[in-house]
PDB file of N, CA and C in Angstrom:
ATOM      1  N   UNK A   1      78.679  89.755  77.895  1.00  0.00           N
ATOM      2  CA  UNK A   1      80.229  89.314  77.449  1.00  0.00           C
ATOM      3  C   UNK A   1      81.028  89.751  78.335  1.00  0.00           C
ATOM      4  N   UNK A   2      81.594  88.564  78.952  1.00  0.00           N
ATOM      5  CA  UNK A   2      82.373  88.456  80.352  1.00  0.00           C
ATOM      6  C   UNK A   2      83.842  88.881  79.909  1.00  0.00           C
ATOM      7  N   UNK A   3      84.571  89.637  80.797  1.00  0.00           N
ATOM      8  CA  UNK A   3      85.752  90.288  80.660  1.00  0.00           C
ATOM      9  C   UNK A   3      87.111  89.609  80.840  1.00  0.00           C
ATOM     10  N   UNK A   4      88.455  90.009  80.823  1.00  0.00           N
ATOM     11  CA  UNK A   4      89.209  89.031  80.833  1.00  0.00           C
ATOM     12  C   UNK A   4      89.594  89.601  82.827  1.00  0.00           C
ATOM     13  N   UNK A   5      89.972  88.433  83.323  1.00  0.00           N
ATOM     14  CA  UNK A   5      90.387  88.951  84.742  1.00  0.00           C
ATOM     15  C   UNK A   5      91.707  89.521  84.652  1.00  0.00           C
ATOM     16  N   UNK A   6      92.165  90.203  85.625  1.00  0.00           N
ATOM     17  CA  UNK A   6      93.619  90.960  85.696  1.00  0.00           C
ATOM     18  C   UNK A   6      94.806  89.875  86.005  1.00  0.00           C
ATOM     19  N   UNK A   7      94.304  88.923  86.509  1.00  0.00           N
ATOM     20  CA  UNK A   7      95.503  87.860  87.023  1.00  0.00           C
ATOM     21  C   UNK A   7      95.277  87.140  85.395  1.00  0.00           C
ATOM     22  N   UNK A   8      94.482  86.896  84.366  1.00  0.00           N
ATOM     23  CA  UNK A   8      94.625  86.238  82.917  1.00  0.00           C
ATOM     24  C   UNK A   8      95.822  87.355  82.207  1.00  0.00           C
ATOM     25  N   UNK A   9      95.295  88.348  82.365  1.00  0.00           N
ATOM     26  CA  UNK A   9      96.016  89.333  81.655  1.00  0.00           C
ATOM     27  C   UNK A   9      97.647  89.366  82.225  1.00  0.00           C
ATOM     28  N   UNK A  10      97.964  88.923  83.319  1.00  0.00           N
ATOM     29  CA  UNK A  10      99.565  88.703  83.657  1.00  0.00           C
ATOM     30  C   UNK A  10      99.947  87.504  83.128  1.00  0.00           C
ATOM     31  N   UNK A  11      98.986  86.341  83.006  1.00  0.00           N
ATOM     32  CA  UNK A  11      99.597  85.387  82.698  1.00  0.00           C
ATOM     33  C   UNK A  11      99.618  85.365  81.443  1.00  0.00           C
ATOM     34  N   UNK A  12      98.780  85.756  80.389  1.00  0.00           N
ATOM     35  CA  UNK A  12      99.102  86.035  78.923  1.00  0.00           C
ATOM     36  C   UNK A  12     100.220  86.728  78.392  1.00  0.00           C
ATOM     37  N   UNK A  13     100.466  88.260  79.277  1.00  0.00           N
ATOM     38  CA  UNK A  13     101.591  89.131  79.331  1.00  0.00           C
ATOM     39  C   UNK A  13     102.706  88.344  79.264  1.00  0.00           C
ATOM     40  N   UNK A  14     102.810  87.534  80.029  1.00  0.00           N
ATOM     41  CA  UNK A  14     104.025  86.886  80.827  1.00  0.00           C
ATOM     42  C   UNK A  14     104.448  85.899  79.694  1.00  0.00           C
ATOM     43  N   UNK A  15     103.357  84.788  79.188  1.00  0.00           N
ATOM     44  CA  UNK A  15     103.396  83.918  77.901  1.00  0.00           C
ATOM     45  C   UNK A  15     103.962  84.563  76.705  1.00  0.00           C
ATOM     46  N   UNK A  16     103.357  86.004  76.289  1.00  0.00           N
ATOM     47  CA  UNK A  16     103.992  86.665  75.284  1.00  0.00           C
ATOM     48  C   UNK A  16     105.207  86.837  75.705  1.00  0.00           C
ATOM     49  N   UNK A  17     105.562  87.441  76.539  1.00  0.00           N
ATOM     50  CA  UNK A  17     107.033  88.121  77.009  1.00  0.00           C
ATOM     51  C   UNK A  17     108.210  86.638  76.578  1.00  0.00           C
ATOM     52  N   UNK A  18     107.700  85.578  77.354  1.00  0.00           N
ATOM     53  CA  UNK A  18     108.265  84.511  76.960  1.00  0.00           C
ATOM     54  C   UNK A  18     108.584  83.909  75.529  1.00  0.00           C
ATOM     55  N   UNK A  19     107.471  83.907  74.826  1.00  0.00           N
ATOM     56  CA  UNK A  19     107.319  83.753  73.475  1.00  0.00           C
ATOM     57  C   UNK A  19     108.579  84.709  72.862  1.00  0.00           C
ATOM     58  N   UNK A  20     108.356  85.850  73.148  1.00  0.00           N
ATOM     59  CA  UNK A  20     109.633  86.968  72.674  1.00  0.00           C
ATOM     60  C   UNK A  20     110.650  86.486  72.785  1.00  0.00           C
ATOM     61  N   UNK A  21     111.142  86.032  74.003  1.00  0.00           N
ATOM     62  CA  UNK A  21     112.660  85.537  74.265  1.00  0.00           C
ATOM     63  C   UNK A  21     112.762  84.437  73.519  1.00  0.00           C
ATOM     64  N   UNK A  22     111.870  83.625  73.447  1.00  0.00           N
ATOM     65  CA  UNK A  22     112.189  82.153  72.494  1.00  0.00           C
ATOM     66  C   UNK A  22     112.478  82.446  71.077  1.00  0.00           C
ATOM     67  N   UNK A  23     111.547  83.314  70.647  1.00  0.00           N
ATOM     68  CA  UNK A  23     111.912  83.895  69.000  1.00  0.00           C
ATOM     69  C   UNK A  23     113.217  84.556  69.100  1.00  0.00           C
ATOM     70  N   UNK A  24     113.647  85.011  69.750  1.00  0.00           N
ATOM     71  CA  UNK A  24     115.103  85.788  69.683  1.00  0.00           C
ATOM     72  C   UNK A  24     115.933  84.562  70.003  1.00  0.00           C
ATOM     73  N   UNK A  25     115.807  83.509  71.401  1.00  0.00           N
ATOM     74  CA  UNK A  25     116.648  82.068  71.290  1.00  0.00           C
ATOM     75  C   UNK A  25     116.675  81.630  69.841  1.00  0.00           C
ATOM     76  N   UNK A  26     115.644  81.546  69.366  1.00  0.00           N
ATOM     77  CA  UNK A  26     115.455  80.692  67.699  1.00  0.00           C
ATOM     78  C   UNK A  26     116.346  81.287  66.859  1.00  0.00           C
ATOM     79  N   UNK A  27     115.919  82.723  66.760  1.00  0.00           N
ATOM     80  CA  UNK A  27     116.776  83.363  65.711  1.00  0.00           C
ATOM     81  C   UNK A  27     118.629  83.363  65.987  1.00  0.00           C
ATOM     82  N   UNK A  28     118.967  83.174  67.488  1.00  0.00           N
ATOM     83  CA  UNK A  28     120.225  83.025  67.614  1.00  0.00           C
ATOM     84  C   UNK A  28     121.085  81.713  67.525  1.00  0.00           C
ATOM     85  N   UNK A  29     120.443  81.025  66.825  1.00  0.00           N
ATOM     86  CA  UNK A  29     120.582  79.193  66.846  1.00  0.00           C
ATOM     87  C   UNK A  29     122.335  79.124  66.501  1.00  0.00           C
ATOM     88  N   UNK A  30     122.897  80.053  65.569  1.00  0.00           N
ATOM     89  CA  UNK A  30     124.000  79.761  65.489  1.00  0.00           C
ATOM     90  C   UNK A  30     125.268  80.497  66.138  1.00  0.00           C
ATOM     91  N   UNK A  31     124.857  81.324  67.467  1.00  0.00           N
ATOM     92  CA  UNK A  31     125.761  81.672  68.234  1.00  0.00           C
ATOM     93  C   UNK A  31     125.391  81.296  69.729  1.00  0.00           C
ATOM     94  N   UNK A  32     126.444  80.462  69.850  1.00  0.00           N
ATOM     95  CA  UNK A  32     126.048  79.576  71.093  1.00  0.00           C
ATOM     96  C   UNK A  32     125.774  80.273  72.304  1.00  0.00           C
ATOM     97  N   UNK A  33     126.531  81.666  72.428  1.00  0.00           N
ATOM     98  CA  UNK A  33     126.470  82.243  73.772  1.00  0.00           C
ATOM     99  C   UNK A  33     125.414  82.876  73.551  1.00  0.00           C
ATOM    100  N   UNK A  34     124.518  83.419  72.771  1.00  0.00           N
ATOM    101  CA  UNK A  34     123.495  84.007  72.724  1.00  0.00           C
ATOM    102  C   UNK A  34     122.209  82.731  72.645  1.00  0.00           C
ATOM    103  N   UNK A  35     122.472  82.168  72.234  1.00  0.00           N
ATOM    104  CA  UNK A  35     121.618  80.933  72.352  1.00  0.00           C
ATOM    105  C   UNK A  35     121.520  80.375  73.880  1.00  0.00           C
ATOM    106  N   UNK A  36     122.554  80.270  74.704  1.00  0.00           N
ATOM    107  CA  UNK A  36     122.754  79.829  75.935  1.00  0.00           C
ATOM    108  C   UNK A  36     121.577  80.910  76.991  1.00  0.00           C
ATOM    109  N   UNK A  37     121.872  82.641  76.670  1.00  0.00           N
ATOM    110  CA  UNK A  37     121.305  82.973  77.327  1.00  0.00           C
ATOM    111  C   UNK A  37     119.595  83.383  76.896  1.00  0.00           C
ATOM    112  N   UNK A  38     119.766  83.119  75.620  1.00  0.00           N
ATOM    113  CA  UNK A  38     117.919  83.037  75.415  1.00  0.00           C
ATOM    114  C   UNK A  38     117.606  82.351  76.071  1.00  0.00           C
ATOM    115  N   UNK A  39     117.957  80.983  75.823  1.00  0.00           N
ATOM    116  CA  UNK A  39     117.537  79.819  76.478  1.00  0.00           C
ATOM    117  C   UNK A  39     117.080  80.199  78.228  1.00  0.00           C
ATOM    118  N   UNK A  40     118.324  80.636  78.764  1.00  0.00           N
ATOM    119  CA  UNK A  40     118.025  80.803  80.245  1.00  0.00           C
ATOM    120  C   UNK A  40     116.642  81.842  80.547  1.00  0.00           C
ATOM    121  N   UNK A  41     116.790  82.886  79.405  1.00  0.00           N
ATOM    122  CA  UNK A  41     115.935  84.265  80.257  1.00  0.00           C
ATOM    123  C   UNK A  41     114.472  83.617  79.579  1.00  0.00           C
ATOM    124  N   UNK A  42     114.408  82.516  78.764  1.00  0.00           N
ATOM    125  CA  UNK A  42     113.079  81.989  78.172  1.00  0.00           C
ATOM    126  C   UNK A  42     112.452  81.537  79.452  1.00  0.00           C
ATOM    127  N   UNK A  43     113.744  80.527  79.929  1.00  0.00           N
ATOM    128  CA  UNK A  43     112.924  79.691  81.118  1.00  0.00           C
ATOM    129  C   UNK A  43     112.954  80.281  82.202  1.00  0.00           C
ATOM    130  N   UNK A  44     113.808  81.423  82.522  1.00  0.00           N
ATOM    131  CA  UNK A  44     113.405  82.516  83.620  1.00  0.00           C
ATOM    132  C   UNK A  44     111.731  82.578  83.636  1.00  0.00           C
ATOM    133  N   UNK A  45     111.514  83.195  82.602  1.00  0.00           N
ATOM    134  CA  UNK A  45     109.895  83.595  82.533  1.00  0.00           C
ATOM    135  C   UNK A  45     109.110  82.732  82.478  1.00  0.00           C
ATOM    136  N   UNK A  46     109.186  81.628  82.102  1.00  0.00           N
ATOM    137  CA  UNK A  46     108.327  80.483  82.200  1.00  0.00           C
ATOM    138  C   UNK A  46     108.537  79.646  83.759  1.00  0.00           C
ATOM    139  N   UNK A  47     109.165  79.763  84.368  1.00  0.00           N
ATOM    140  CA  UNK A  47     109.158  79.264  85.615  1.00  0.00           C
ATOM    141  C   UNK A  47     108.223  80.273  86.381  1.00  0.00           C
ATOM    142  N   UNK A  48     108.647  81.921  86.082  1.00  0.00           N
ATOM    143  CA  UNK A  48     108.061  82.700  87.078  1.00  0.00           C
ATOM    144  C   UNK A  48     106.446  82.495  86.508  1.00  0.00           C
ATOM    145  N   UNK A  49     106.312  82.145  85.178  1.00  0.00           N
ATOM    146  CA  UNK A  49     104.589  81.867  84.748  1.00  0.00           C
ATOM    147  C   UNK A  49     104.301  80.826  85.421  1.00  0.00           C
ATOM    148  N   UNK A  50     104.617  79.898  85.559  1.00  0.00           N
ATOM    149  CA  UNK A  50     104.203  78.496  86.224  1.00  0.00           C
ATOM    150  C   UNK A  50     103.674  78.546  87.653  1.00  0.00           C
ATOM    151  N   UNK A  51     105.188  79.242  88.130  1.00  0.00           N
ATOM    152  CA  UNK A  51     104.802  79.869  89.456  1.00  0.00           C
ATOM    153  C   UNK A  51     103.190  81.005  89.724  1.00  0.00           C
ATOM    154  N   UNK A  52     103.392  81.999  89.364  1.00  0.00           N
ATOM    155  CA  UNK A  52     102.009  82.600  89.057  1.00  0.00           C
ATOM    156  C   UNK A  52     100.769  81.753  89.005  1.00  0.00           C
ATOM    157  N   UNK A  53     100.918  80.889  88.281  1.00  0.00           N
ATOM    158  CA  UNK A  53      99.904  80.415  87.775  1.00  0.00           C
ATOM    159  C   UNK A  53      99.420  79.040  88.309  1.00  0.00           C
ATOM    160  N   UNK A  54     100.336  78.673  89.246  1.00  0.00           N
ATOM    161  CA  UNK A  54      99.822  77.806  90.552  1.00  0.00           C
ATOM    162  C   UNK A  54      99.822  78.505  91.649  1.00  0.00           C
ATOM    163  N   UNK A  55     100.318  79.645  91.825  1.00  0.00           N
ATOM    164  CA  UNK A  55      99.754  80.739  93.138  1.00  0.00           C
ATOM    165  C   UNK A  55     100.712  80.574  94.041  1.00  0.00           C
ATOM    166  N   UNK A  56     102.121  80.260  93.483  1.00  0.00           N
ATOM    167  CA  UNK A  56     103.283  80.153  94.733  1.00  0.00           C
ATOM    168  C   UNK A  56     103.206  81.711  94.949  1.00  0.00           C
ATOM    169  N   UNK A  57     103.533  82.048  96.294  1.00  0.00           N
ATOM    170  CA  UNK A  57     104.143  83.384  96.841  1.00  0.00           C
ATOM    171  C   UNK A  57     105.379  84.111  96.167  1.00  0.00           C
ATOM    172  N   UNK A  58     106.056  83.053  96.308  1.00  0.00           N
ATOM    173  CA  UNK A  58     107.488  83.603  95.711  1.00  0.00           C
ATOM    174  C   UNK A  58     107.799  84.566  94.064  1.00  0.00           C
ATOM    175  N   UNK A  59     106.814  83.589  93.679  1.00  0.00           N
ATOM    176  CA  UNK A  59     106.740  83.799  91.819  1.00  0.00           C
ATOM    177  C   UNK A  59     106.170  85.112  91.576  1.00  0.00           C
ATOM    178  N   UNK A  60     105.512  86.070  92.893  1.00  0.00           N
ATOM    179  CA  UNK A  60     105.130  87.548  92.752  1.00  0.00           C
ATOM    180  C   UNK A  60     106.063  88.020  93.087  1.00  0.00           C
ATOM    181  N   UNK A  61     106.804  88.354  94.245  1.00  0.00           N
ATOM    182  CA  UNK A  61     108.156  89.166  94.357  1.00  0.00           C
ATOM    183  C   UNK A  61     109.166  88.806  93.298  1.00  0.00           C
ATOM    184  N   UNK A  62     109.300  87.536  92.603  1.00  0.00           N
ATOM    185  CA  UNK A  62     110.159  87.569  91.731  1.00  0.00           C
ATOM    186  C   UNK A  62     109.571  87.913  90.323  1.00  0.00           C
ATOM    187  N   UNK A  63     108.314  87.343  89.980  1.00  0.00           N
ATOM    188  CA  UNK A  63     107.991  88.013  88.937  1.00  0.00           C
ATOM    189  C   UNK A  63     108.052  89.521  88.555  1.00  0.00           C
ATOM    190  N   UNK A  64     108.239  90.500  89.942  1.00  0.00           N
ATOM    191  CA  UNK A  64     108.049  91.750  89.842  1.00  0.00           C
ATOM    192  C   UNK A  64     109.449  92.067  89.293  1.00  0.00           C
ATOM    193  N   UNK A  65     110.421  91.537  90.056  1.00  0.00           N
ATOM    194  CA  UNK A  65     111.994  91.754  89.714  1.00  0.00           C
ATOM    195  C   UNK A  65     112.154  92.208  88.331  1.00  0.00           C
ATOM    196  N   UNK A  66     111.624  90.354  87.958  1.00  0.00           N
ATOM    197  CA  UNK A  66     112.451  89.868  86.449  1.00  0.00           C
ATOM    198  C   UNK A  66     111.736  91.033  85.557  1.00  0.00           C
ATOM    199  N   UNK A  67     110.026  91.431  85.695  1.00  0.00           N
ATOM    200  CA  UNK A  67     109.605  92.211  84.891  1.00  0.00           C
ATOM    201  C   UNK A  67     110.230  93.821  84.698  1.00  0.00           C
ATOM    202  N   UNK A  68     110.635  94.058  85.986  1.00  0.00           N
ATOM    203  CA  UNK A  68     111.519  95.905  86.101  1.00  0.00           C
ATOM    204  C   UNK A  68     112.411  95.526  85.020  1.00  0.00           C
ATOM    205  N   UNK A  69     113.228  94.262  85.489  1.00  0.00           N
ATOM    206  CA  UNK A  69     114.648  94.234  84.466  1.00  0.00           C
ATOM    207  C   UNK A  69     114.195  94.017  82.992  1.00  0.00           C
ATOM    208  N   UNK A  70     113.117  93.464  82.521  1.00  0.00           N
ATOM    209  CA  UNK A  70     112.577  93.493  81.136  1.00  0.00           C
ATOM    210  C   UNK A  70     112.195  95.017  81.126  1.00  0.00           C
ATOM    211  N   UNK A  71     111.951  96.019  81.372  1.00  0.00           N
ATOM    212  CA  UNK A  71     111.317  97.207  81.585  1.00  0.00           C
ATOM    213  C   UNK A  71     112.883  98.107  81.528  1.00  0.00           C
ATOM    214  N   UNK A  72     113.616  97.627  82.186  1.00  0.00           N
ATOM    215  CA  UNK A  72     114.551  98.741  81.633  1.00  0.00           C
ATOM    216  C   UNK A  72     115.880  97.981  80.622  1.00  0.00           C
ATOM    217  N   UNK A  73     115.480  96.726  80.564  1.00  0.00           N
ATOM    218  CA  UNK A  73     116.399  96.616  78.968  1.00  0.00           C
ATOM    219  C   UNK A  73     115.323  96.923  77.887  1.00  0.00           C
ATOM    220  N   UNK A  74     114.192  96.719  77.887  1.00  0.00           N
ATOM    221  CA  UNK A  74     113.777  97.538  76.931  1.00  0.00           C
ATOM    222  C   UNK A  74     113.883  98.794  76.516  1.00  0.00           C
ATOM    223  N   UNK A  75     113.938  99.737  77.470  1.00  0.00           N
ATOM    224  CA  UNK A  75     114.515 101.316  77.173  1.00  0.00           C
ATOM    225  C   UNK A  75     115.574 101.193  76.739  1.00  0.00           C
ATOM    226  N   UNK A  76     116.691 100.389  77.430  1.00  0.00           N
ATOM    227  CA  UNK A  76     118.024 100.299  76.826  1.00  0.00           C
ATOM    228  C   UNK A  76     117.814 100.077  75.075  1.00  0.00           C
ATOM    229  N   UNK A  77     116.859  98.781  74.869  1.00  0.00           N
ATOM    230  CA  UNK A  77     117.335  98.201  73.501  1.00  0.00           C
ATOM    231  C   UNK A  77     116.651  99.824  72.570  1.00  0.00           C
ATOM    232  N   UNK A  78     115.416 100.354  73.047  1.00  0.00           N
ATOM    233  CA  UNK A  78     114.857 101.432  72.238  1.00  0.00           C
ATOM    234  C   UNK A  78     116.166 102.685  72.394  1.00  0.00           C
ATOM    235  N   UNK A  79     116.515 102.849  73.299  1.00  0.00           N
ATOM    236  CA  UNK A  79     118.089 104.170  73.441  1.00  0.00           C
ATOM    237  C   UNK A  79     119.180 103.407  72.079  1.00  0.00           C
ATOM    238  N   UNK A  80     119.038 102.139  71.962  1.00  0.00           N
ATOM    239  CA  UNK A  80     120.375 101.819  71.033  1.00  0.00           C
ATOM    240  C   UNK A  80     119.557 101.707  69.577  1.00  0.00           C
ATOM    241  N   UNK A  81     118.529 102.013  69.403  1.00  0.00           N
ATOM    242  CA  UNK A  81     117.982 102.038  68.082  1.00  0.00           C
ATOM    243  C   UNK A  81     117.344 100.744  67.751  1.00  0.00           C
ATOM    244  N   UNK A  82     116.727  99.863  68.903  1.00  0.00           N
ATOM    245  CA  UNK A  82     116.116  98.608  68.288  1.00  0.00           C
ATOM    246  C   UNK A  82     114.234  98.879  68.619  1.00  0.00           C
ATOM    247  N   UNK A  83     113.959  99.745  67.847  1.00  0.00           N
ATOM    248  CA  UNK A  83     112.775 100.343  68.423  1.00  0.00           C
ATOM    249  C   UNK A  83     111.582  99.388  68.446  1.00  0.00           C
ATOM    250  N   UNK A  84     111.628  98.888  67.190  1.00  0.00           N
ATOM    251  CA  UNK A  84     110.046  98.045  67.803  1.00  0.00           C
ATOM    252  C   UNK A  84     110.275  96.995  68.547  1.00  0.00           C
ATOM    253  N   UNK A  85     111.213  96.561  68.545  1.00  0.00           N
ATOM    254  CA  UNK A  85     111.443  95.290  69.581  1.00  0.00           C
ATOM    255  C   UNK A  85     111.366  95.537  71.110  1.00  0.00           C
ATOM    256  N   UNK A  86     112.079  96.768  70.954  1.00  0.00           N
ATOM    257  CA  UNK A  86     111.598  97.691  72.350  1.00  0.00           C
ATOM    258  C   UNK A  86     110.648  98.234  72.642  1.00  0.00           C
ATOM    259  N   UNK A  87     109.807  98.901  72.286  1.00  0.00           N
ATOM    260  CA  UNK A  87     108.732  99.399  72.122  1.00  0.00           C
ATOM    261  C   UNK A  87     107.405  97.920  72.718  1.00  0.00           C
ATOM    262  N   UNK A  88     107.949  97.101  72.075  1.00  0.00           N
ATOM    263  CA  UNK A  88     106.761  95.588  72.209  1.00  0.00           C
ATOM    264  C   UNK A  88     107.062  95.365  73.680  1.00  0.00           C
ATOM    265  N   UNK A  89     108.505  95.062  74.123  1.00  0.00           N
ATOM    266  CA  UNK A  89     108.955  94.668  75.131  1.00  0.00           C
ATOM    267  C   UNK A  89     108.230  95.887  76.394  1.00  0.00           C
ATOM    268  N   UNK A  90     108.791  96.986  76.131  1.00  0.00           N
ATOM    269  CA  UNK A  90     108.298  97.967  76.984  1.00  0.00           C
ATOM    270  C   UNK A  90     106.775  97.929  77.330  1.00  0.00           C
ATOM    271  N   UNK A  91     105.975  97.772  76.421  1.00  0.00           N
ATOM    272  CA  UNK A  91     104.847  97.731  76.598  1.00  0.00           C
ATOM    273  C   UNK A  91     103.786  96.314  77.365  1.00  0.00           C
ATOM    274  N   UNK A  92     104.140  95.450  77.032  1.00  0.00           N
ATOM    275  CA  UNK A  92     104.256  94.212  77.842  1.00  0.00           C
ATOM    276  C   UNK A  92     104.575  94.257  79.091  1.00  0.00           C
ATOM    277  N   UNK A  93     106.302  94.666  79.453  1.00  0.00           N
ATOM    278  CA  UNK A  93     106.632  94.745  80.735  1.00  0.00           C
ATOM    279  C   UNK A  93     105.863  95.477  81.695  1.00  0.00           C
ATOM    280  N   UNK A  94     105.751  97.106  80.715  1.00  0.00           N
ATOM    281  CA  UNK A  94     104.655  97.651  81.675  1.00  0.00           C
ATOM    282  C   UNK A  94     103.051  97.457  81.934  1.00  0.00           C
ATOM    283  N   UNK A  95     102.626  96.672  81.372  1.00  0.00           N
ATOM    284  CA  UNK A  95     101.359  96.181  81.466  1.00  0.00           C
ATOM    285  C   UNK A  95     101.402  95.160  83.167  1.00  0.00           C
ATOM    286  N   UNK A  96     102.289  94.191  82.767  1.00  0.00           N
ATOM    287  CA  UNK A  96     102.257  93.099  83.307  1.00  0.00           C
ATOM    288  C   UNK A  96     103.161  93.872  84.908  1.00  0.00           C
ATOM    289  N   UNK A  97     103.857  94.913  84.950  1.00  0.00           N
ATOM    290  CA  UNK A  97     104.565  95.193  85.979  1.00  0.00           C
ATOM    291  C   UNK A  97     103.300  96.297  87.061  1.00  0.00           C
ATOM    292  N   UNK A  98     102.604  96.980  86.098  1.00  0.00           N
ATOM    293  CA  UNK A  98     101.481  97.788  86.938  1.00  0.00           C
ATOM    294  C   UNK A  98     100.185  96.757  87.671  1.00  0.00           C
ATOM    295  N   UNK A  99     100.037  95.505  86.617  1.00  0.00           N
ATOM    296  CA  UNK A  99      98.678  94.437  87.231  1.00  0.00           C
ATOM    297  C   UNK A  99      99.510  94.000  88.579  1.00  0.00           C
ATOM    298  N   UNK A 100     100.829  93.341  88.560  1.00  0.00           N
ATOM    299  CA  UNK A 100     101.553  92.895  89.535  1.00  0.00           C
ATOM    300  C   UNK A 100     101.639  93.616  90.969  1.00  0.00           C
ATOM    301  N   UNK A 101     101.934  94.598  90.777  1.00  0.00           N
ATOM    302  CA  UNK A 101     102.138  95.674  91.683  1.00  0.00           C
ATOM    303  C   UNK A 101     100.927  96.001  92.214  1.00  0.00           C
ATOM    304  N   UNK A 102      99.769  95.887  91.939  1.00  0.00           N
ATOM    305  CA  UNK A 102      98.537  96.133  92.377  1.00  0.00           C
ATOM    306  C   UNK A 102      97.979  94.988  93.421  1.00  0.00           C
ATOM    307  N   UNK A 103      97.549  95.579  94.551  1.00  0.00           N
ATOM    308  CA  UNK A 103      97.352  94.466  95.791  1.00  0.00           C
ATOM    309  C   UNK A 103      96.284  93.695  95.555  1.00  0.00           C
ATOM    310  N   UNK A 104      95.310  94.135  95.008  1.00  0.00           N
ATOM    311  CA  UNK A 104      94.098  93.028  94.601  1.00  0.00           C
ATOM    312  C   UNK A 104      94.346  92.077  93.484  1.00  0.00           C
ATOM    313  N   UNK A 105      95.067  92.381  92.503  1.00  0.00           N
ATOM    314  CA  UNK A 105      95.793  91.336  91.585  1.00  0.00           C
ATOM    315  C   UNK A 105      96.597  90.463  92.318  1.00  0.00           C
ATOM    316  N   UNK A 106      97.393  90.596  93.282  1.00  0.00           N
ATOM    317  CA  UNK A 106      97.990  89.797  93.651  1.00  0.00           C
ATOM    318  C   UNK A 106      97.355  88.628  94.519  1.00  0.00           C
ATOM    319  N   UNK A 107      96.447  89.457  95.276  1.00  0.00           N
ATOM    320  CA  UNK A 107      95.288  88.658  96.398  1.00  0.00           C
ATOM    321  C   UNK A 107      94.971  87.228  95.062  1.00  0.00           C
ATOM    322  N   UNK A 108      94.322  87.956  94.072  1.00  0.00           N
ATOM    323  CA  UNK A 108      94.002  86.961  92.893  1.00  0.00           C
ATOM    324  C   UNK A 108      94.563  85.963  92.398  1.00  0.00           C
ATOM    325  N   UNK A 109      96.027  86.345  92.334  1.00  0.00           N
ATOM    326  CA  UNK A 109      96.909  85.176  91.647  1.00  0.00           C
ATOM    327  C   UNK A 109      97.352  84.226  93.003  1.00  0.00           C
ATOM    328  N   UNK A 110      97.227  84.625  94.217  1.00  0.00           N
ATOM    329  CA  UNK A 110      97.482  83.762  95.246  1.00  0.00           C
ATOM    330  C   UNK A 110      96.252  83.418  96.148  1.00  0.00           C
ATOM    331  N   UNK A 111      95.196  83.531  95.295  1.00  0.00           N
ATOM    332  CA  UNK A 111      94.032  82.751  95.958  1.00  0.00           C
ATOM    333  C   UNK A 111      93.116  83.631  96.975  1.00  0.00           C
ATOM    334  N   UNK A 112      93.502  84.256  97.541  1.00  0.00           N
ATOM    335  CA  UNK A 112      93.180  85.208  98.697  1.00  0.00           C
ATOM    336  C   UNK A 112      91.744  85.810  98.747  1.00  0.00           C
ATOM    337  N   UNK A 113      91.701  86.516  97.065  1.00  0.00           N
ATOM    338  CA  UNK A 113      90.128  86.790  96.841  1.00  0.00           C
ATOM    339  C   UNK A 113      88.718  85.896  96.026  1.00  0.00           C
TER     340      UNK A 113
END
């Protein structure tokens, strides 16, 4: 049985986070400001995902910053009482940030190994 590579775990996690924010966007269809913000955040995650998929160097550092912000907002959401959603985002963000911070995984994504 073949195990999943770390770079694929990063891709799957980012896709899940994008889907998560896409769902929030879909639920906010009646509020224009929330709809615009959700669309922007979802698109930003998808751009980072595509950059990582293509092995572009800028996407690794930008992805680390974006995922760190996701991690901070998930902690804030949990402090405000949005426990289930915050915990889900926290787990996905923590996994992705740990993997993106590993030089070996970064090398895999950028095609160096």
